[in-house]
C-alpha atoms as a PDB file:
ATOM      1  CA  UNK A   1       0.001  -0.002   0.000  1.00  0.00           C
ATOM      2  CA  UNK A   2       2.795   2.446   0.855  1.00  0.00           C
ATOM      3  CA  UNK A   3       4.462   1.773  -2.487  1.00  0.00           C
ATOM      4  CA  UNK A   4       1.188   2.377  -4.342  1.00  0.00           C
ATOM      5  CA  UNK A   5       0.597   5.683  -2.574  1.00  0.00           C
ATOM      6  CA  UNK A   6       4.140   6.872  -3.261  1.00  0.00           C
ATOM      7  CA  UNK A   7       3.792   5.911  -6.940  1.00  0.00           C
ATOM      8  CA  UNK A   8       0.505   7.798  -7.073  1.00  0.00           C
ATOM      9  CA  UNK A   9       2.256  10.879  -5.734  1.00  0.00           C
ATOM     10  CA  UNK A  10       5.170  10.474  -8.115  1.00  0.00           C
ATOM     11  CA  UNK A  11       2.993  10.058 -11.216  1.00  0.00           C
ATOM     12  CA  UNK A  12       0.596  12.784 -10.046  1.00  0.00           C
ATOM     13  CA  UNK A  13       3.409  15.307  -9.673  1.00  0.00           C
ATOM     14  CA  UNK A  14       4.922  14.290 -13.012  1.00  0.00           C
ATOM     15  CA  UNK A  15       1.518  14.592 -14.696  1.00  0.00           C
ATOM     16  CA  UNK A  16       0.945  18.013 -13.141  1.00  0.00           C
ATOM     17  CA  UNK A  17       4.211  19.362 -14.563  1.00  0.00           C
ATOM     18  CA  UNK A  18       3.645  17.749 -17.966  1.00  0.00           C
ATOM     19  CA  UNK A  19       0.229  19.361 -18.200  1.00  0.00           C
ATOM     20  CA  UNK A  20       1.561  22.750 -17.096  1.00  0.00           C
ATOM     21  CA  UNK A  21       4.272  22.681 -19.737  1.00  0.00           C
ATOM     22  CA  UNK A  22       1.659  21.680 -22.340  1.00  0.00           C
ATOM     23  CA  UNK A  23       3.911  18.892 -23.551  1.00  0.00           C
ATOM     24  CA  UNK A  24       1.964  16.372 -25.564  1.00  0.00           C
ATOM     25  CA  UNK A  25       4.208  13.393 -26.089  1.00  0.00           C
ATOM     26  CA  UNK A  26       4.093   9.629 -25.734  1.00  0.00           C
ATOM     27  CA  UNK A  27       5.781  10.044 -22.348  1.00  0.00           C
ATOM     28  CA  UNK A  28       2.984  12.302 -21.136  1.00  0.00           C
ATOM     29  CA  UNK A  29       0.371   9.835 -22.326  1.00  0.00           C
ATOM     30  CA  UNK A  30       2.147   6.981 -20.519  1.00  0.00           C
ATOM     31  CA  UNK A  31       2.388   9.042 -17.349  1.00  0.00           C
ATOM     32  CA  UNK A  32      -1.311   9.882 -17.453  1.00  0.00           C
ATOM     33  CA  UNK A  33      -2.276   6.252 -18.084  1.00  0.00           C
ATOM     34  CA  UNK A  34      -0.085   4.973 -15.260  1.00  0.00           C
ATOM     35  CA  UNK A  35      -1.510   7.617 -12.915  1.00  0.00           C
ATOM     36  CA  UNK A  36      -5.019   6.458 -13.762  1.00  0.00           C
ATOM     37  CA  UNK A  37      -4.261   2.779 -13.321  1.00  0.00           C
ATOM     38  CA  UNK A  38      -2.504   3.342 -10.000  1.00  0.00           C
ATOM     39  CA  UNK A  39      -5.244   5.678  -8.766  1.00  0.00           C
ATOM     40  CA  UNK A  40      -7.816   2.988  -9.510  1.00  0.00           C
ATOM     41  CA  UNK A  41      -6.049   0.591  -7.141  1.00  0.00           C
ATOM     42  CA  UNK A  42      -6.268   2.944  -4.134  1.00  0.00           C
ATOM     43  CA  UNK A  43      -9.102   3.832  -1.822  1.00  0.00           C
ATOM     44  CA  UNK A  44      -9.747   6.943  -3.906  1.00  0.00           C
ATOM     45  CA  UNK A  45     -11.320   4.901  -6.701  1.00  0.00           C
ATOM     46  CA  UNK A  46     -14.767   4.686  -5.085  1.00  0.00           C
ATOM     47  CA  UNK A  47     -15.165   8.443  -4.391  1.00  0.00           C
ATOM     48  CA  UNK A  48     -13.924   9.255  -7.887  1.00  0.00           C
ATOM     49  CA  UNK A  49     -16.487   6.858  -9.392  1.00  0.00           C
ATOM     50  CA  UNK A  50     -19.266   8.385  -7.279  1.00  0.00           C
ATOM     51  CA  UNK A  51     -18.210  11.888  -8.287  1.00  0.00           C
ATOM     52  CA  UNK A  52     -18.187  11.114 -12.002  1.00  0.00           C
ATOM     53  CA  UNK A  53     -21.562   9.359 -11.741  1.00  0.00           C
ATOM     54  CA  UNK A  54     -23.059  12.359  -9.924  1.00  0.00           C
ATOM     55  CA  UNK A  55     -21.629  14.765 -12.514  1.00  0.00           C
ATOM     56  CA  UNK A  56     -22.980  12.694 -15.387  1.00  0.00           C
ATOM     57  CA  UNK A  57     -26.433  12.596 -13.795  1.00  0.00           C
ATOM     58  CA  UNK A  58     -26.347  16.351 -13.113  1.00  0.00           C
ATOM     59  CA  UNK A  59     -25.393  17.104 -16.703  1.00  0.00           C
ATOM     60  CA  UNK A  60     -28.130  14.865 -18.038  1.00  0.00           C
ATOM     61  CA  UNK A  61     -30.716  16.757 -15.963  1.00  0.00           C
ATOM     62  CA  UNK A  62     -29.785  20.165 -17.424  1.00  0.00           C
END
């Protein structure tokens, strides 16, 4: 678990700086994909799923 959380932080920070520099490269795509896969294996996956479901329902009601 500690390794997963530290990898999440590492990939999250790397993704933040890649997005700020507006660099669109295969490396940025890999970093974003790895961040998503690692985030899905943490306890944050359930709240993220609930949030996206709530947003989708709110948008459909507009």
